[in-house]
């Protein structure tokens, strides 16, 4: 069974983030799902994308052909 990513709700406090900015294309359906997660967790789409990317990178396994 795949490991689940748990996202906690966030308070409204913001601070210095120290991130790089770049552009990425995302499907409309994915944006809609991010919006729903954003509303449910009180986190920005940017925060969620970073959480999900970090989880994916940490749980990625590269296999030889």
N, C-alpha and C. Protein backbone atom coordinates (compact mmCIF):
# COMPACT_ATOMS: atom_id res chain seq x y z
N UNK A 1 0.84 -1.18 0.00
CA UNK A 1 0.00 0.00 0.00
C UNK A 1 0.89 1.25 0.00
N UNK A 2 0.52 2.23 -0.81
CA UNK A 2 1.32 3.45 -0.94
C UNK A 2 1.22 4.30 0.31
N UNK A 3 2.31 4.96 0.63
CA UNK A 3 2.35 5.87 1.76
C UNK A 3 1.49 7.09 1.44
N UNK A 4 0.72 7.56 2.40
CA UNK A 4 -0.13 8.73 2.23
C UNK A 4 0.60 9.99 2.68
N UNK A 5 0.31 11.09 1.99
CA UNK A 5 0.85 12.39 2.34
C UNK A 5 -0.17 13.09 3.22
N UNK A 6 0.20 13.41 4.45
CA UNK A 6 -0.69 14.11 5.37
C UNK A 6 -0.35 15.60 5.34
N UNK A 7 -1.38 16.44 5.10
CA UNK A 7 -1.20 17.89 5.07
C UNK A 7 -2.03 18.48 6.19
N UNK A 8 -1.38 19.17 7.10
CA UNK A 8 -2.08 19.78 8.22
C UNK A 8 -2.62 21.15 7.82
N UNK A 9 -3.67 21.57 8.52
CA UNK A 9 -4.18 22.92 8.31
C UNK A 9 -3.17 23.91 8.87
N UNK A 10 -3.12 25.08 8.27
CA UNK A 10 -2.13 26.07 8.66
C UNK A 10 -2.80 27.31 9.22
N UNK A 11 -2.13 27.94 10.17
CA UNK A 11 -2.62 29.22 10.68
C UNK A 11 -2.33 30.29 9.65
N UNK A 12 -2.84 31.49 9.84
CA UNK A 12 -2.68 32.57 8.88
C UNK A 12 -1.35 33.29 8.94
N UNK A 13 -0.39 32.84 9.73
CA UNK A 13 0.89 33.53 9.91
C UNK A 13 1.81 33.23 8.72
N UNK A 14 2.42 34.28 8.14
CA UNK A 14 3.34 34.12 7.02
C UNK A 14 4.71 34.66 7.41
N UNK A 15 5.76 34.15 6.74
CA UNK A 15 7.11 34.62 7.02
C UNK A 15 7.97 34.55 5.78
N UNK A 16 9.26 34.77 5.95
CA UNK A 16 10.21 34.69 4.85
C UNK A 16 10.27 33.26 4.35
N UNK A 17 10.17 33.07 3.02
CA UNK A 17 10.12 31.70 2.52
C UNK A 17 11.41 31.18 1.90
N UNK A 18 12.27 32.04 1.32
CA UNK A 18 13.54 31.59 0.78
C UNK A 18 13.43 30.65 -0.41
N UNK A 19 12.44 30.80 -1.27
CA UNK A 19 12.22 29.93 -2.41
C UNK A 19 12.63 30.60 -3.71
N UNK A 20 12.90 29.81 -4.74
CA UNK A 20 13.15 30.28 -6.10
C UNK A 20 11.81 30.29 -6.85
N UNK A 21 11.68 31.20 -7.79
CA UNK A 21 10.46 31.31 -8.58
C UNK A 21 10.73 30.81 -10.00
N UNK A 22 9.86 29.93 -10.51
CA UNK A 22 9.92 29.52 -11.91
C UNK A 22 8.53 29.12 -12.37
N UNK A 23 8.37 29.04 -13.68
CA UNK A 23 7.07 28.77 -14.27
C UNK A 23 6.90 27.29 -14.58
N UNK A 24 5.67 26.79 -14.42
CA UNK A 24 5.37 25.40 -14.73
C UNK A 24 3.93 25.33 -15.25
N UNK A 25 3.69 24.48 -16.23
CA UNK A 25 2.34 24.29 -16.76
C UNK A 25 1.66 23.17 -16.00
N UNK A 26 0.39 23.41 -15.60
CA UNK A 26 -0.37 22.43 -14.82
C UNK A 26 -1.75 22.28 -15.45
N UNK A 27 -2.23 21.05 -15.53
CA UNK A 27 -3.56 20.79 -16.09
C UNK A 27 -4.64 21.49 -15.28
N UNK A 28 -5.72 21.90 -15.96
CA UNK A 28 -6.84 22.56 -15.30
C UNK A 28 -7.41 21.72 -14.15
N UNK A 29 -7.50 20.41 -14.37
CA UNK A 29 -8.05 19.52 -13.34
C UNK A 29 -7.16 19.50 -12.09
N UNK A 30 -5.85 19.56 -12.31
CA UNK A 30 -4.91 19.58 -11.19
C UNK A 30 -5.03 20.89 -10.42
N UNK A 31 -5.18 21.99 -11.14
CA UNK A 31 -5.35 23.30 -10.49
C UNK A 31 -6.61 23.28 -9.63
N UNK A 32 -7.68 22.70 -10.15
CA UNK A 32 -8.94 22.62 -9.39
C UNK A 32 -8.74 21.80 -8.12
N UNK A 33 -8.01 20.70 -8.22
CA UNK A 33 -7.74 19.88 -7.03
C UNK A 33 -6.88 20.64 -6.03
N UNK A 34 -5.91 21.39 -6.53
CA UNK A 34 -5.07 22.22 -5.64
C UNK A 34 -5.90 23.28 -4.94
N UNK A 35 -6.82 23.90 -5.68
CA UNK A 35 -7.71 24.91 -5.08
C UNK A 35 -8.52 24.30 -3.95
N UNK A 36 -9.06 23.10 -4.17
CA UNK A 36 -9.85 22.42 -3.13
C UNK A 36 -8.99 22.11 -1.91
N UNK A 37 -7.76 21.62 -2.13
CA UNK A 37 -6.86 21.35 -1.01
C UNK A 37 -6.48 22.63 -0.29
N UNK A 38 -6.29 23.69 -1.06
CA UNK A 38 -5.93 24.98 -0.49
C UNK A 38 -7.01 25.48 0.46
N UNK A 39 -8.25 25.40 0.03
CA UNK A 39 -9.37 25.83 0.87
C UNK A 39 -9.51 24.96 2.12
N UNK A 40 -9.32 23.65 1.94
CA UNK A 40 -9.48 22.72 3.06
C UNK A 40 -8.38 22.83 4.10
N UNK A 41 -7.17 23.25 3.68
CA UNK A 41 -6.03 23.27 4.60
C UNK A 41 -5.57 24.67 4.99
N UNK A 42 -6.16 25.69 4.39
CA UNK A 42 -5.75 27.08 4.63
C UNK A 42 -4.29 27.30 4.25
N UNK A 43 -3.85 26.61 3.20
CA UNK A 43 -2.50 26.76 2.67
C UNK A 43 -2.61 27.24 1.22
N UNK A 44 -1.61 27.98 0.77
CA UNK A 44 -1.61 28.46 -0.61
C UNK A 44 -1.31 27.31 -1.57
N UNK A 45 -1.66 27.51 -2.85
CA UNK A 45 -1.31 26.51 -3.86
C UNK A 45 0.20 26.32 -3.88
N UNK A 46 0.94 27.40 -3.76
CA UNK A 46 2.40 27.32 -3.76
C UNK A 46 2.90 26.41 -2.63
N UNK A 47 2.37 26.60 -1.44
CA UNK A 47 2.79 25.76 -0.30
C UNK A 47 2.47 24.30 -0.58
N UNK A 48 1.28 24.05 -1.10
CA UNK A 48 0.88 22.67 -1.37
C UNK A 48 1.76 22.03 -2.43
N UNK A 49 2.06 22.78 -3.50
CA UNK A 49 2.92 22.25 -4.55
C UNK A 49 4.27 21.88 -3.96
N UNK A 50 4.84 22.72 -3.10
CA UNK A 50 6.13 22.43 -2.47
C UNK A 50 6.04 21.20 -1.57
N UNK A 51 4.98 21.09 -0.78
CA UNK A 51 4.80 19.92 0.09
C UNK A 51 4.73 18.65 -0.74
N UNK A 52 3.93 18.69 -1.80
CA UNK A 52 3.74 17.51 -2.64
C UNK A 52 5.02 17.16 -3.39
N UNK A 53 5.74 18.16 -3.91
CA UNK A 53 7.00 17.89 -4.60
C UNK A 53 8.04 17.29 -3.65
N UNK A 54 8.17 17.86 -2.46
CA UNK A 54 9.12 17.32 -1.49
C UNK A 54 8.79 15.88 -1.13
N UNK A 55 7.50 15.59 -0.94
CA UNK A 55 7.07 14.23 -0.63
C UNK A 55 7.44 13.29 -1.79
N UNK A 56 7.15 13.74 -3.02
CA UNK A 56 7.46 12.92 -4.19
C UNK A 56 8.94 12.65 -4.33
N UNK A 57 9.76 13.67 -4.12
CA UNK A 57 11.20 13.50 -4.24
C UNK A 57 11.74 12.55 -3.16
N UNK A 58 11.25 12.72 -1.93
CA UNK A 58 11.71 11.87 -0.83
C UNK A 58 11.24 10.44 -0.98
N UNK A 59 10.16 10.20 -1.70
CA UNK A 59 9.61 8.86 -1.84
C UNK A 59 9.76 8.31 -3.26
N UNK A 60 10.66 8.90 -4.02
CA UNK A 60 10.92 8.48 -5.40
C UNK A 60 11.96 7.37 -5.42
N UNK A 61 11.73 6.39 -6.25
CA UNK A 61 12.67 5.29 -6.40
C UNK A 61 13.00 5.15 -7.87
N UNK A 62 14.28 5.18 -8.21
CA UNK A 62 14.72 5.06 -9.59
C UNK A 62 15.11 3.61 -9.82
N UNK A 63 14.53 3.01 -10.88
CA UNK A 63 14.81 1.62 -11.20
C UNK A 63 15.50 1.53 -12.56
N UNK A 64 16.48 0.64 -12.65
CA UNK A 64 17.12 0.37 -13.94
C UNK A 64 16.17 -0.47 -14.78
N UNK A 65 16.28 -0.30 -16.11
CA UNK A 65 15.42 -1.07 -17.02
C UNK A 65 15.74 -2.53 -16.97
